[in-house]
Amino acid sequence: MLERELFPIGISQMSLMNRILRELKAAMCMTIRAGTKVEIIGYVDEDDLITKLRYYLSNPEEADQIAATARLRCLNHHTWSKKLAELFEQLDWELLKNRSWSKS
């Protein structure tokens, strides 16, 4: 019953979780850029992560630039007020007007 309510299109919880995990793993490998500036450094495996950590620890100016670019992205796109505005834009207000909010 709960699964049908959460996933009305028939996707099981397990297949949805597997899809999310695959997408997260793929995203971890990516380097994300904002124009010419790097925002996020991904890694493929533990060795790649260690190599990149050593590189950025020995190049703190470059690491600071990436951190500053990522911070700007967060401040410009991922604040509570922006996320709530996006949510309210997507709500179907007509549908909500006719909704009964009682627990029965």
Protein backbone atom coordinates (compact mmCIF):
# COMPACT_ATOMS: atom_id res chain seq x y z
CA MET A 1 0.00 0.00 0.00
CA LEU A 2 2.70 2.50 1.04
CA GLU A 3 4.81 1.66 -2.02
CA ARG A 4 1.86 2.33 -4.33
CA GLU A 5 1.29 5.70 -2.65
CA LEU A 6 4.95 6.71 -2.88
CA PHE A 7 5.55 5.38 -6.38
CA PRO A 8 2.28 5.51 -8.29
CA ILE A 9 3.96 4.77 -11.62
CA GLY A 10 5.01 1.30 -10.46
CA ILE A 11 8.69 1.77 -9.74
CA SER A 12 9.72 -0.39 -6.83
CA GLN A 13 11.67 1.16 -4.01
CA MET A 14 14.68 -1.06 -4.72
CA SER A 15 14.92 -0.22 -8.42
CA LEU A 16 14.56 3.47 -7.61
CA MET A 17 17.33 3.25 -5.00
CA ASN A 18 19.58 1.41 -7.48
CA ARG A 19 18.98 4.11 -10.09
CA ILE A 20 19.78 6.88 -7.61
CA LEU A 21 22.98 5.11 -6.52
CA ARG A 22 24.10 4.64 -10.15
CA GLU A 23 23.49 8.32 -10.87
CA LEU A 24 25.36 9.37 -7.73
CA LYS A 25 28.32 7.14 -8.62
CA ALA A 26 28.43 8.60 -12.13
CA ALA A 27 28.22 12.13 -10.73
CA MET A 28 31.13 11.49 -8.38
CA CYS A 29 33.39 10.89 -11.38
CA MET A 30 32.56 14.21 -13.01
CA THR A 31 34.39 17.49 -12.80
CA ILE A 32 31.78 20.22 -12.88
CA ARG A 33 32.62 23.61 -14.37
CA ALA A 34 31.00 27.02 -14.31
CA GLY A 35 32.26 28.50 -17.54
CA THR A 36 36.02 28.14 -17.30
CA LYS A 37 36.08 27.77 -13.50
CA VAL A 38 35.92 24.38 -11.79
CA GLU A 39 33.24 23.98 -9.10
CA ILE A 40 33.43 20.32 -8.13
CA ILE A 41 36.20 17.75 -8.53
CA GLY A 42 35.00 14.17 -8.86
CA TYR A 43 37.00 10.97 -8.52
CA VAL A 44 36.79 7.50 -10.01
CA ASP A 45 38.17 5.35 -7.20
CA GLU A 46 40.16 5.53 -3.98
CA ASP A 47 43.51 5.93 -5.76
CA ASP A 48 42.16 8.77 -7.90
CA LEU A 49 40.76 10.44 -4.78
CA ILE A 50 44.11 10.22 -2.96
CA THR A 51 45.96 11.58 -6.00
CA LYS A 52 43.59 14.54 -6.25
CA LEU A 53 43.71 15.21 -2.51
CA ARG A 54 47.52 15.32 -2.61
CA TYR A 55 47.42 17.61 -5.64
CA TYR A 56 45.05 20.13 -4.08
CA LEU A 57 46.81 20.03 -0.71
CA SER A 58 50.01 21.04 -2.51
CA ASN A 59 48.13 23.65 -4.62
CA PRO A 60 46.04 25.51 -2.04
CA GLU A 61 45.41 28.55 -4.27
CA GLU A 62 43.73 26.34 -6.86
CA ALA A 63 41.74 24.54 -4.15
CA ASP A 64 40.64 27.90 -2.73
CA GLN A 65 39.49 29.05 -6.19
CA ILE A 66 37.38 25.90 -6.61
CA ALA A 67 35.91 26.36 -3.13
CA ALA A 68 35.06 30.01 -3.85
CA THR A 69 33.39 29.11 -7.16
CA ALA A 70 31.35 26.34 -5.51
CA ARG A 71 30.36 28.68 -2.68
CA LEU A 72 29.09 31.26 -5.16
CA ARG A 73 27.02 28.58 -6.90
CA CYS A 74 25.46 27.61 -3.58
CA LEU A 75 24.71 31.20 -2.61
CA ASN A 76 23.24 31.99 -6.03
CA HIS A 77 21.23 28.82 -6.63
CA HIS A 78 20.76 26.71 -3.52
CA THR A 79 19.38 28.91 -0.74
CA TRP A 80 16.21 28.05 1.15
CA SER A 81 14.41 31.02 -0.36
CA LYS A 82 15.28 29.97 -3.92
CA LYS A 83 14.31 26.34 -3.31
CA LEU A 84 10.99 27.34 -1.73
CA ALA A 85 10.29 29.69 -4.64
CA GLU A 86 10.93 26.79 -7.07
CA LEU A 87 8.62 24.56 -5.04
CA PHE A 88 5.80 27.11 -5.01
CA GLU A 89 6.16 27.62 -8.78
CA GLN A 90 5.58 23.90 -9.31
CA LEU A 91 2.59 23.48 -7.00
CA ASP A 92 -0.79 22.98 -8.59
CA TRP A 93 -2.73 25.47 -6.48
CA GLU A 94 -6.11 24.53 -7.98
CA LEU A 95 -5.60 20.92 -6.95
CA LEU A 96 -4.61 21.99 -3.43
CA LYS A 97 -7.69 24.19 -3.00
CA ASN A 98 -9.98 21.17 -3.29
CA ARG A 99 -7.85 18.90 -1.08
CA SER A 100 -9.21 17.73 2.27
CA TRP A 101 -6.47 18.04 4.91
CA SER A 102 -8.15 16.02 7.65
CA LYS A 103 -6.49 12.80 8.79
CA SER A 104 -9.59 10.65 8.31
